[in-house]
Each structure stands twice: as C-alpha cells, then as structure tokens.
Amino acid sequence: MSGGYHTRWVVPPEHREDEEYRAAGRRMALAEAVHARRSALGWTLAELAERTGLDEETVESIEESGVDPTLPLIERLAAAFDSAVRIDPAAEPAITFEAHAA
C-alpha cells in the first residue's frame, strides 16, 4: 500500500514536447520567480500590484501560474523589483529576478 507520497513524477517524453505542457512550465517558472522575489523583498501582493500598476487579482493570478510570461509583463515586473531578469530554460529555476549590483 502506498504511503500517499510521490517521490518522483515521471513525465512521458511525448508530453514534454506538447506545447500546452511547455506553456504550463513557463507559467510555473514565472510564478515561482515572482513569488520568490516578492517574498525576499517582504512585499505583500498589494505592494507588488501597486508597484507594477497591475491589480491585486492579476498579481495573484501570476503567482498561481495563471498568466503567460510575456516580455512586456516580465519587463514590468523587473522594473517593479528593480531587478535584472534571467531566463534560461535549461536552468532551474528557469526564470529569476536578481537584484542589481550595488
């Protein structure tokens, strides 16, 4: 009987090439990067929303993997975070917001 915990998810290779699967991965990468940077700065969703000019529901949707990572959105987030953004699909995490060097 299973203990109810997965130690590893196995994704069939044909699914990895599916555009919907890849798009979901991009949304998740953006969600993780935004949440990580916002948390590191100690900001609330409302604070990030104000700094980006987005509504709080949109920011929440970004962090819930509900928004596609477009270049204008990524630029807006990077400006709000006063950060550089790194996008590398081969790295983990694939998207990071990094503080500008002082």
PDB file of N, CA and C in Angstrom:
ATOM      1  N   MET A   1       0.836  -1.190   0.000  1.00  0.00           N
ATOM      2  CA  MET A   1       0.000   0.000   0.000  1.00  0.00           C
ATOM      3  C   MET A   1       0.871   1.239   0.000  1.00  0.00           C
ATOM      4  N   SER A   2       0.483   2.208  -0.768  1.00  0.00           N
ATOM      5  CA  SER A   2       1.236   3.450  -0.892  1.00  0.00           C
ATOM      6  C   SER A   2       1.033   4.332   0.327  1.00  0.00           C
ATOM      7  N   GLY A   3       2.092   5.039   0.696  1.00  0.00           N
ATOM      8  CA  GLY A   3       2.020   5.966   1.812  1.00  0.00           C
ATOM      9  C   GLY A   3       1.391   7.293   1.425  1.00  0.00           C
ATOM     10  N   GLY A   4       1.054   7.456   0.155  1.00  0.00           N
ATOM     11  CA  GLY A   4       0.397   8.684  -0.277  1.00  0.00           C
ATOM     12  C   GLY A   4       1.352   9.770  -0.735  1.00  0.00           C
ATOM     13  N   TYR A   5       2.630   9.483  -0.739  1.00  0.00           N
ATOM     14  CA  TYR A   5       3.601  10.492  -1.146  1.00  0.00           C
ATOM     15  C   TYR A   5       4.286  10.052  -2.424  1.00  0.00           C
ATOM     16  N   HIS A   6       4.460  11.005  -3.317  1.00  0.00           N
ATOM     17  CA  HIS A   6       5.185  10.729  -4.553  1.00  0.00           C
ATOM     18  C   HIS A   6       6.620  11.176  -4.340  1.00  0.00           C
ATOM     19  N   THR A   7       7.534  10.306  -4.618  1.00  0.00           N
ATOM     20  CA  THR A   7       8.928  10.698  -4.503  1.00  0.00           C
ATOM     21  C   THR A   7       9.453  11.244  -5.823  1.00  0.00           C
ATOM     22  N   ARG A   8       8.737  10.944  -6.898  1.00  0.00           N
ATOM     23  CA  ARG A   8       9.180  11.407  -8.205  1.00  0.00           C
ATOM     24  C   ARG A   8       8.036  11.283  -9.201  1.00  0.00           C
ATOM     25  N   TRP A   9       7.838  12.322  -9.965  1.00  0.00           N
ATOM     26  CA  TRP A   9       6.849  12.279 -11.028  1.00  0.00           C
ATOM     27  C   TRP A   9       7.571  11.943 -12.314  1.00  0.00           C
ATOM     28  N   VAL A  10       7.029  11.051 -13.090  1.00  0.00           N
ATOM     29  CA  VAL A  10       7.621  10.686 -14.363  1.00  0.00           C
ATOM     30  C   VAL A  10       6.706  11.203 -15.465  1.00  0.00           C
ATOM     31  N   VAL A  11       7.264  12.074 -16.294  1.00  0.00           N
ATOM     32  CA  VAL A  11       6.502  12.656 -17.397  1.00  0.00           C
ATOM     33  C   VAL A  11       6.987  11.992 -18.679  1.00  0.00           C
ATOM     34  N   PRO A  12       6.085  11.363 -19.405  1.00  0.00           N
ATOM     35  CA  PRO A  12       6.482  10.712 -20.657  1.00  0.00           C
ATOM     36  C   PRO A  12       7.100  11.722 -21.627  1.00  0.00           C
ATOM     37  N   PRO A  13       8.119  11.318 -22.369  1.00  0.00           N
ATOM     38  CA  PRO A  13       8.799  12.233 -23.293  1.00  0.00           C
ATOM     39  C   PRO A  13       7.859  12.928 -24.278  1.00  0.00           C
ATOM     40  N   GLU A  14       6.832  12.212 -24.748  1.00  0.00           N
ATOM     41  CA  GLU A  14       5.920  12.842 -25.716  1.00  0.00           C
ATOM     42  C   GLU A  14       5.146  14.000 -25.092  1.00  0.00           C
ATOM     43  N   HIS A  15       4.956  13.976 -23.791  1.00  0.00           N
ATOM     44  CA  HIS A  15       4.259  15.083 -23.120  1.00  0.00           C
ATOM     45  C   HIS A  15       5.162  16.293 -22.990  1.00  0.00           C
ATOM     46  N   ARG A  16       6.446  16.067 -22.822  1.00  0.00           N
ATOM     47  CA  ARG A  16       7.388  17.181 -22.678  1.00  0.00           C
ATOM     48  C   ARG A  16       7.445  18.043 -23.938  1.00  0.00           C
ATOM     49  N   GLU A  17       7.134  17.477 -25.072  1.00  0.00           N
ATOM     50  CA  GLU A  17       7.165  18.210 -26.330  1.00  0.00           C
ATOM     51  C   GLU A  17       5.838  18.886 -26.647  1.00  0.00           C
ATOM     52  N   ASP A  18       4.807  18.569 -25.896  1.00  0.00           N
ATOM     53  CA  ASP A  18       3.489  19.154 -26.111  1.00  0.00           C
ATOM     54  C   ASP A  18       3.508  20.637 -25.738  1.00  0.00           C
ATOM     55  N   GLU A  19       3.004  21.491 -26.618  1.00  0.00           N
ATOM     56  CA  GLU A  19       3.055  22.936 -26.382  1.00  0.00           C
ATOM     57  C   GLU A  19       2.291  23.339 -25.132  1.00  0.00           C
ATOM     58  N   GLU A  20       1.188  22.701 -24.827  1.00  0.00           N
ATOM     59  CA  GLU A  20       0.446  23.029 -23.606  1.00  0.00           C
ATOM     60  C   GLU A  20       1.267  22.713 -22.363  1.00  0.00           C
ATOM     61  N   TYR A  21       1.969  21.615 -22.391  1.00  0.00           N
ATOM     62  CA  TYR A  21       2.836  21.240 -21.267  1.00  0.00           C
ATOM     63  C   TYR A  21       3.945  22.274 -21.093  1.00  0.00           C
ATOM     64  N   ARG A  22       4.558  22.666 -22.196  1.00  0.00           N
ATOM     65  CA  ARG A  22       5.650  23.648 -22.149  1.00  0.00           C
ATOM     66  C   ARG A  22       5.143  25.014 -21.698  1.00  0.00           C
ATOM     67  N   ALA A  23       3.955  25.413 -22.153  1.00  0.00           N
ATOM     68  CA  ALA A  23       3.371  26.695 -21.735  1.00  0.00           C
ATOM     69  C   ALA A  23       3.085  26.687 -20.235  1.00  0.00           C
ATOM     70  N   ALA A  24       2.585  25.574 -19.732  1.00  0.00           N
ATOM     71  CA  ALA A  24       2.335  25.454 -18.289  1.00  0.00           C
ATOM     72  C   ALA A  24       3.639  25.580 -17.515  1.00  0.00           C
ATOM     73  N   GLY A  25       4.694  25.005 -18.032  1.00  0.00           N
ATOM     74  CA  GLY A  25       6.009  25.118 -17.392  1.00  0.00           C
ATOM     75  C   GLY A  25       6.503  26.546 -17.345  1.00  0.00           C
ATOM     76  N   ARG A  26       6.273  27.304 -18.424  1.00  0.00           N
ATOM     77  CA  ARG A  26       6.674  28.718 -18.439  1.00  0.00           C
ATOM     78  C   ARG A  26       5.873  29.518 -17.419  1.00  0.00           C
ATOM     79  N   ARG A  27       4.573  29.235 -17.319  1.00  0.00           N
ATOM     80  CA  ARG A  27       3.739  29.936 -16.325  1.00  0.00           C
ATOM     81  C   ARG A  27       4.202  29.611 -14.911  1.00  0.00           C
ATOM     82  N   MET A  28       4.546  28.359 -14.679  1.00  0.00           N
ATOM     83  CA  MET A  28       5.023  27.958 -13.355  1.00  0.00           C
ATOM     84  C   MET A  28       6.366  28.611 -13.033  1.00  0.00           C
ATOM     85  N   ALA A  29       7.248  28.700 -14.005  1.00  0.00           N
ATOM     86  CA  ALA A  29       8.554  29.328 -13.780  1.00  0.00           C
ATOM     87  C   ALA A  29       8.380  30.801 -13.409  1.00  0.00           C
ATOM     88  N   LEU A  30       7.477  31.491 -14.108  1.00  0.00           N
ATOM     89  CA  LEU A  30       7.218  32.899 -13.778  1.00  0.00           C
ATOM     90  C   LEU A  30       6.621  33.006 -12.384  1.00  0.00           C
ATOM     91  N   ALA A  31       5.672  32.152 -12.068  1.00  0.00           N
ATOM     92  CA  ALA A  31       5.031  32.181 -10.753  1.00  0.00           C
ATOM     93  C   ALA A  31       6.063  32.005  -9.641  1.00  0.00           C
ATOM     94  N   GLU A  32       6.938  31.043  -9.798  1.00  0.00           N
ATOM     95  CA  GLU A  32       7.958  30.789  -8.786  1.00  0.00           C
ATOM     96  C   GLU A  32       8.907  31.969  -8.646  1.00  0.00           C
ATOM     97  N   ALA A  33       9.317  32.555  -9.775  1.00  0.00           N
ATOM     98  CA  ALA A  33      10.255  33.676  -9.737  1.00  0.00           C
ATOM     99  C   ALA A  33       9.630  34.903  -9.074  1.00  0.00           C
ATOM    100  N   VAL A  34       8.387  35.198  -9.414  1.00  0.00           N
ATOM    101  CA  VAL A  34       7.714  36.365  -8.834  1.00  0.00           C
ATOM    102  C   VAL A  34       7.510  36.160  -7.338  1.00  0.00           C
ATOM    103  N   HIS A  35       7.035  34.997  -6.966  1.00  0.00           N
ATOM    104  CA  HIS A  35       6.812  34.741  -5.534  1.00  0.00           C
ATOM    105  C   HIS A  35       8.121  34.802  -4.755  1.00  0.00           C
ATOM    106  N   ALA A  36       9.181  34.214  -5.302  1.00  0.00           N
ATOM    107  CA  ALA A  36      10.474  34.209  -4.613  1.00  0.00           C
ATOM    108  C   ALA A  36      10.999  35.632  -4.411  1.00  0.00           C
ATOM    109  N   ARG A  37      10.931  36.459  -5.458  1.00  0.00           N
ATOM    110  CA  ARG A  37      11.459  37.828  -5.342  1.00  0.00           C
ATOM    111  C   ARG A  37      10.581  38.673  -4.424  1.00  0.00           C
ATOM    112  N   ARG A  38       9.269  38.547  -4.560  1.00  0.00           N
ATOM    113  CA  ARG A  38       8.358  39.315  -3.702  1.00  0.00           C
ATOM    114  C   ARG A  38       8.573  38.945  -2.246  1.00  0.00           C
ATOM    115  N   SER A  39       8.715  37.659  -1.974  1.00  0.00           N
ATOM    116  CA  SER A  39       8.937  37.196  -0.607  1.00  0.00           C
ATOM    117  C   SER A  39      10.276  37.684  -0.068  1.00  0.00           C
ATOM    118  N   ALA A  40      11.307  37.630  -0.911  1.00  0.00           N
ATOM    119  CA  ALA A  40      12.631  38.097  -0.488  1.00  0.00           C
ATOM    120  C   ALA A  40      12.602  39.585  -0.111  1.00  0.00           C
ATOM    121  N   LEU A  41      11.766  40.343  -0.806  1.00  0.00           N
ATOM    122  CA  LEU A  41      11.646  41.778  -0.517  1.00  0.00           C
ATOM    123  C   LEU A  41      10.681  42.058   0.637  1.00  0.00           C
ATOM    124  N   GLY A  42       9.933  41.043   1.044  1.00  0.00           N
ATOM    125  CA  GLY A  42       8.974  41.224   2.131  1.00  0.00           C
ATOM    126  C   GLY A  42       7.733  41.989   1.731  1.00  0.00           C
ATOM    127  N   TRP A  43       7.397  41.946   0.448  1.00  0.00           N
ATOM    128  CA  TRP A  43       6.240  42.677  -0.069  1.00  0.00           C
ATOM    129  C   TRP A  43       4.993  41.806  -0.025  1.00  0.00           C
ATOM    130  N   THR A  44       3.860  42.460   0.136  1.00  0.00           N
ATOM    131  CA  THR A  44       2.569  41.795   0.012  1.00  0.00           C
ATOM    132  C   THR A  44       2.162  41.800  -1.462  1.00  0.00           C
ATOM    133  N   LEU A  45       1.120  41.044  -1.767  1.00  0.00           N
ATOM    134  CA  LEU A  45       0.567  41.085  -3.130  1.00  0.00           C
ATOM    135  C   LEU A  45       0.144  42.507  -3.478  1.00  0.00           C
ATOM    136  N   ALA A  46      -0.462  43.203  -2.527  1.00  0.00           N
ATOM    137  CA  ALA A  46      -0.937  44.566  -2.759  1.00  0.00           C
ATOM    138  C   ALA A  46       0.226  45.507  -3.078  1.00  0.00           C
ATOM    139  N   GLU A  47       1.345  45.340  -2.382  1.00  0.00           N
ATOM    140  CA  GLU A  47       2.509  46.194  -2.654  1.00  0.00           C
ATOM    141  C   GLU A  47       3.055  45.958  -4.057  1.00  0.00           C
ATOM    142  N   LEU A  48       3.147  44.702  -4.451  1.00  0.00           N
ATOM    143  CA  LEU A  48       3.632  44.420  -5.803  1.00  0.00           C
ATOM    144  C   LEU A  48       2.645  44.936  -6.836  1.00  0.00           C
ATOM    145  N   ALA A  49       1.370  44.774  -6.578  1.00  0.00           N
ATOM    146  CA  ALA A  49       0.360  45.283  -7.508  1.00  0.00           C
ATOM    147  C   ALA A  49       0.517  46.792  -7.687  1.00  0.00           C
ATOM    148  N   GLU A  50       0.690  47.502  -6.606  1.00  0.00           N
ATOM    149  CA  GLU A  50       0.846  48.962  -6.688  1.00  0.00           C
ATOM    150  C   GLU A  50       2.099  49.342  -7.464  1.00  0.00           C
ATOM    151  N   ARG A  51       3.191  48.650  -7.223  1.00  0.00           N
ATOM    152  CA  ARG A  51       4.460  48.977  -7.878  1.00  0.00           C
ATOM    153  C   ARG A  51       4.452  48.625  -9.374  1.00  0.00           C
ATOM    154  N   THR A  52       3.647  47.638  -9.761  1.00  0.00           N
ATOM    155  CA  THR A  52       3.587  47.248 -11.178  1.00  0.00           C
ATOM    156  C   THR A  52       2.475  47.959 -11.935  1.00  0.00           C
ATOM    157  N   GLY A  53       1.518  48.531 -11.190  1.00  0.00           N
ATOM    158  CA  GLY A  53       0.367  49.129 -11.852  1.00  0.00           C
ATOM    159  C   GLY A  53      -0.658  48.094 -12.270  1.00  0.00           C
ATOM    160  N   LEU A  54      -0.520  46.879 -11.758  1.00  0.00           N
ATOM    161  CA  LEU A  54      -1.486  45.817 -12.032  1.00  0.00           C
ATOM    162  C   LEU A  54      -2.454  45.740 -10.865  1.00  0.00           C
ATOM    163  N   ASP A  55      -3.599  45.104 -11.081  1.00  0.00           N
ATOM    164  CA  ASP A  55      -4.495  44.924  -9.940  1.00  0.00           C
ATOM    165  C   ASP A  55      -4.030  43.704  -9.149  1.00  0.00           C
ATOM    166  N   GLU A  56      -4.451  43.643  -7.894  1.00  0.00           N
ATOM    167  CA  GLU A  56      -4.016  42.586  -6.996  1.00  0.00           C
ATOM    168  C   GLU A  56      -4.427  41.203  -7.508  1.00  0.00           C
ATOM    169  N   GLU A  57      -5.585  41.104  -8.152  1.00  0.00           N
ATOM    170  CA  GLU A  57      -6.047  39.821  -8.681  1.00  0.00           C
ATOM    171  C   GLU A  57      -5.113  39.311  -9.770  1.00  0.00           C
ATOM    172  N   THR A  58      -4.590  40.219 -10.586  1.00  0.00           N
ATOM    173  CA  THR A  58      -3.666  39.818 -11.648  1.00  0.00           C
ATOM    174  C   THR A  58      -2.359  39.320 -11.057  1.00  0.00           C
ATOM    175  N   VAL A  59      -1.851  40.023 -10.047  1.00  0.00           N
ATOM    176  CA  VAL A  59      -0.615  39.589  -9.395  1.00  0.00           C
ATOM    177  C   VAL A  59      -0.818  38.216  -8.757  1.00  0.00           C
ATOM    178  N   GLU A  60      -1.949  38.022  -8.123  1.00  0.00           N
ATOM    179  CA  GLU A  60      -2.244  36.720  -7.525  1.00  0.00           C
ATOM    180  C   GLU A  60      -2.315  35.639  -8.603  1.00  0.00           C
ATOM    181  N   SER A  61      -2.913  35.959  -9.729  1.00  0.00           N
ATOM    182  CA  SER A  61      -3.012  35.010 -10.830  1.00  0.00           C
ATOM    183  C   SER A  61      -1.632  34.661 -11.381  1.00  0.00           C
ATOM    184  N   ILE A  62      -0.742  35.644 -11.439  1.00  0.00           N
ATOM    185  CA  ILE A  62       0.636  35.381 -11.882  1.00  0.00           C
ATOM    186  C   ILE A  62       1.269  34.357 -10.954  1.00  0.00           C
ATOM    187  N   GLU A  63       1.123  34.563  -9.645  1.00  0.00           N
ATOM    188  CA  GLU A  63       1.738  33.660  -8.674  1.00  0.00           C
ATOM    189  C   GLU A  63       1.051  32.298  -8.603  1.00  0.00           C
ATOM    190  N   GLU A  64      -0.120  32.188  -9.189  1.00  0.00           N
ATOM    191  CA  GLU A  64      -0.826  30.903  -9.240  1.00  0.00           C
ATOM    192  C   GLU A  64      -0.671  30.224 -10.599  1.00  0.00           C
ATOM    193  N   SER A  65       0.290  30.677 -11.383  1.00  0.00           N
ATOM    194  CA  SER A  65       0.596  30.117 -12.713  1.00  0.00           C
ATOM    195  C   SER A  65      -0.532  30.323 -13.713  1.00  0.00           C
ATOM    196  N   GLY A  66      -1.291  31.395 -13.538  1.00  0.00           N
ATOM    197  CA  GLY A  66      -2.427  31.638 -14.417  1.00  0.00           C
ATOM    198  C   GLY A  66      -2.195  32.649 -15.511  1.00  0.00           C
ATOM    199  N   VAL A  67      -0.966  33.158 -15.643  1.00  0.00           N
ATOM    200  CA  VAL A  67      -0.678  34.208 -16.619  1.00  0.00           C
ATOM    201  C   VAL A  67       0.546  33.813 -17.430  1.00  0.00           C
ATOM    202  N   ASP A  68       0.438  33.935 -18.753  1.00  0.00           N
ATOM    203  CA  ASP A  68       1.572  33.644 -19.621  1.00  0.00           C
ATOM    204  C   ASP A  68       2.645  34.717 -19.462  1.00  0.00           C
ATOM    205  N   PRO A  69       3.918  34.316 -19.413  1.00  0.00           N
ATOM    206  CA  PRO A  69       5.010  35.268 -19.231  1.00  0.00           C
ATOM    207  C   PRO A  69       5.390  35.978 -20.529  1.00  0.00           C
ATOM    208  N   THR A  70       4.733  37.093 -20.811  1.00  0.00           N
ATOM    209  CA  THR A  70       5.075  37.881 -21.992  1.00  0.00           C
ATOM    210  C   THR A  70       6.247  38.800 -21.660  1.00  0.00           C
ATOM    211  N   LEU A  71       6.959  39.229 -22.683  1.00  0.00           N
ATOM    212  CA  LEU A  71       8.093  40.121 -22.462  1.00  0.00           C
ATOM    213  C   LEU A  71       7.671  41.434 -21.787  1.00  0.00           C
ATOM    214  N   PRO A  72       6.586  42.094 -22.224  1.00  0.00           N
ATOM    215  CA  PRO A  72       6.178  43.317 -21.527  1.00  0.00           C
ATOM    216  C   PRO A  72       5.867  43.090 -20.040  1.00  0.00           C
ATOM    217  N   LEU A  73       5.257  41.961 -19.713  1.00  0.00           N
ATOM    218  CA  LEU A  73       4.961  41.658 -18.315  1.00  0.00           C
ATOM    219  C   LEU A  73       6.246  41.438 -17.531  1.00  0.00           C
ATOM    220  N   ILE A  74       7.161  40.674 -18.086  1.00  0.00           N
ATOM    221  CA  ILE A  74       8.428  40.415 -17.409  1.00  0.00           C
ATOM    222  C   ILE A  74       9.200  41.717 -17.203  1.00  0.00           C
ATOM    223  N   GLU A  75       9.199  42.595 -18.206  1.00  0.00           N
ATOM    224  CA  GLU A  75       9.868  43.896 -18.067  1.00  0.00           C
ATOM    225  C   GLU A  75       9.217  44.723 -16.966  1.00  0.00           C
ATOM    226  N   ARG A  76       7.906  44.718 -16.895  1.00  0.00           N
ATOM    227  CA  ARG A  76       7.180  45.469 -15.874  1.00  0.00           C
ATOM    228  C   ARG A  76       7.518  44.956 -14.476  1.00  0.00           C
ATOM    229  N   LEU A  77       7.566  43.636 -14.328  1.00  0.00           N
ATOM    230  CA  LEU A  77       7.909  43.038 -13.041  1.00  0.00           C
ATOM    231  C   LEU A  77       9.352  43.350 -12.658  1.00  0.00           C
ATOM    232  N   ALA A  78      10.268  43.239 -13.603  1.00  0.00           N
ATOM    233  CA  ALA A  78      11.675  43.527 -13.326  1.00  0.00           C
ATOM    234  C   ALA A  78      11.849  44.981 -12.883  1.00  0.00           C
ATOM    235  N   ALA A  79      11.151  45.897 -13.524  1.00  0.00           N
ATOM    236  CA  ALA A  79      11.230  47.309 -13.128  1.00  0.00           C
ATOM    237  C   ALA A  79      10.678  47.506 -11.721  1.00  0.00           C
ATOM    238  N   ALA A  80       9.565  46.866 -11.408  1.00  0.00           N
ATOM    239  CA  ALA A  80       8.973  46.985 -10.073  1.00  0.00           C
ATOM    240  C   ALA A  80       9.917  46.426  -9.020  1.00  0.00           C
ATOM    241  N   PHE A  81      10.586  45.330  -9.326  1.00  0.00           N
ATOM    242  CA  PHE A  81      11.516  44.712  -8.395  1.00  0.00           C
ATOM    243  C   PHE A  81      12.882  45.406  -8.388  1.00  0.00           C
ATOM    244  N   ASP A  82      13.095  46.348  -9.324  1.00  0.00           N
ATOM    245  CA  ASP A  82      14.397  46.979  -9.528  1.00  0.00           C
ATOM    246  C   ASP A  82      15.458  45.892  -9.664  1.00  0.00           C
ATOM    247  N   SER A  83      15.141  44.942 -10.538  1.00  0.00           N
ATOM    248  CA  SER A  83      15.968  43.749 -10.706  1.00  0.00           C
ATOM    249  C   SER A  83      16.257  43.483 -12.172  1.00  0.00           C
ATOM    250  N   ALA A  84      17.330  42.731 -12.368  1.00  0.00           N
ATOM    251  CA  ALA A  84      17.584  42.150 -13.681  1.00  0.00           C
ATOM    252  C   ALA A  84      16.810  40.836 -13.724  1.00  0.00           C
ATOM    253  N   VAL A  85      16.456  40.416 -14.907  1.00  0.00           N
ATOM    254  CA  VAL A  85      15.759  39.140 -15.040  1.00  0.00           C
ATOM    255  C   VAL A  85      16.623  38.205 -15.869  1.00  0.00           C
ATOM    256  N   ARG A  86      16.692  36.954 -15.443  1.00  0.00           N
ATOM    257  CA  ARG A  86      17.439  35.943 -16.176  1.00  0.00           C
ATOM    258  C   ARG A  86      16.449  34.861 -16.601  1.00  0.00           C
ATOM    259  N   ILE A  87      16.464  34.550 -17.888  1.00  0.00           N
ATOM    260  CA  ILE A  87      15.608  33.489 -18.417  1.00  0.00           C
ATOM    261  C   ILE A  87      16.509  32.463 -19.083  1.00  0.00           C
ATOM    262  N   ASP A  88      16.490  31.252 -18.536  1.00  0.00           N
ATOM    263  CA  ASP A  88      17.306  30.169 -19.067  1.00  0.00           C
ATOM    264  C   ASP A  88      16.519  28.872 -18.927  1.00  0.00           C
ATOM    265  N   PRO A  89      15.852  28.443 -19.997  1.00  0.00           N
ATOM    266  CA  PRO A  89      15.029  27.231 -19.925  1.00  0.00           C
ATOM    267  C   PRO A  89      15.803  25.987 -19.495  1.00  0.00           C
ATOM    268  N   ALA A  90      17.117  25.996 -19.642  1.00  0.00           N
ATOM    269  CA  ALA A  90      17.914  24.834 -19.255  1.00  0.00           C
ATOM    270  C   ALA A  90      18.287  24.852 -17.773  1.00  0.00           C
ATOM    271  N   ALA A  91      18.044  25.975 -17.108  1.00  0.00           N
ATOM    272  CA  ALA A  91      18.406  26.102 -15.693  1.00  0.00           C
ATOM    273  C   ALA A  91      17.195  25.863 -14.810  1.00  0.00           C
ATOM    274  N   GLU A  92      17.463  25.653 -13.548  1.00  0.00           N
ATOM    275  CA  GLU A  92      16.386  25.507 -12.574  1.00  0.00           C
ATOM    276  C   GLU A  92      16.702  26.433 -11.413  1.00  0.00           C
ATOM    277  N   PRO A  93      15.981  27.472 -11.151  1.00  0.00           N
ATOM    278  CA  PRO A  93      14.741  27.844 -11.819  1.00  0.00           C
ATOM    279  C   PRO A  93      15.009  28.481 -13.182  1.00  0.00           C
ATOM    280  N   ALA A  94      14.025  28.396 -14.062  1.00  0.00           N
ATOM    281  CA  ALA A  94      14.179  28.877 -15.436  1.00  0.00           C
ATOM    282  C   ALA A  94      14.119  30.396 -15.534  1.00  0.00           C
ATOM    283  N   ILE A  95      13.425  31.038 -14.602  1.00  0.00           N
ATOM    284  CA  ILE A  95      13.320  32.497 -14.568  1.00  0.00           C
ATOM    285  C   ILE A  95      13.712  32.958 -13.171  1.00  0.00           C
ATOM    286  N   THR A  96      14.577  33.967 -13.109  1.00  0.00           N
ATOM    287  CA  THR A  96      14.929  34.558 -11.825  1.00  0.00           C
ATOM    288  C   THR A  96      14.986  36.072 -11.956  1.00  0.00           C
ATOM    289  N   PHE A  97      14.595  36.752 -10.885  1.00  0.00           N
ATOM    290  CA  PHE A  97      14.761  38.183 -10.767  1.00  0.00           C
ATOM    291  C   PHE A  97      15.907  38.405  -9.790  1.00  0.00           C
ATOM    292  N   GLU A  98      16.933  39.094 -10.241  1.00  0.00           N
ATOM    293  CA  GLU A  98      18.147  39.276  -9.430  1.00  0.00           C
ATOM    294  C   GLU A  98      18.368  40.752  -9.162  1.00  0.00           C
ATOM    295  N   ALA A  99      18.630  41.086  -7.906  1.00  0.00           N
ATOM    296  CA  ALA A  99      18.883  42.480  -7.538  1.00  0.00           C
ATOM    297  C   ALA A  99      20.045  43.022  -8.350  1.00  0.00           C
ATOM    298  N   HIS A 100      19.936  44.277  -8.753  1.00  0.00           N
ATOM    299  CA  HIS A 100      21.042  44.928  -9.444  1.00  0.00           C
ATOM    300  C   HIS A 100      22.220  45.053  -8.496  1.00  0.00           C
ATOM    301  N   ALA A 101      23.411  44.897  -9.013  1.00  0.00           N
ATOM    302  CA  ALA A 101      24.613  45.038  -8.180  1.00  0.00           C
ATOM    303  C   ALA A 101      24.715  46.480  -7.697  1.00  0.00           C
ATOM    304  N   ALA A 102      25.130  46.634  -6.458  1.00  0.00           N
ATOM    305  CA  ALA A 102      25.240  47.970  -5.858  1.00  0.00           C
ATOM    306  C   ALA A 102      26.460  48.696  -6.313  1.00  0.00           C
TER     307      ALA A 102
END
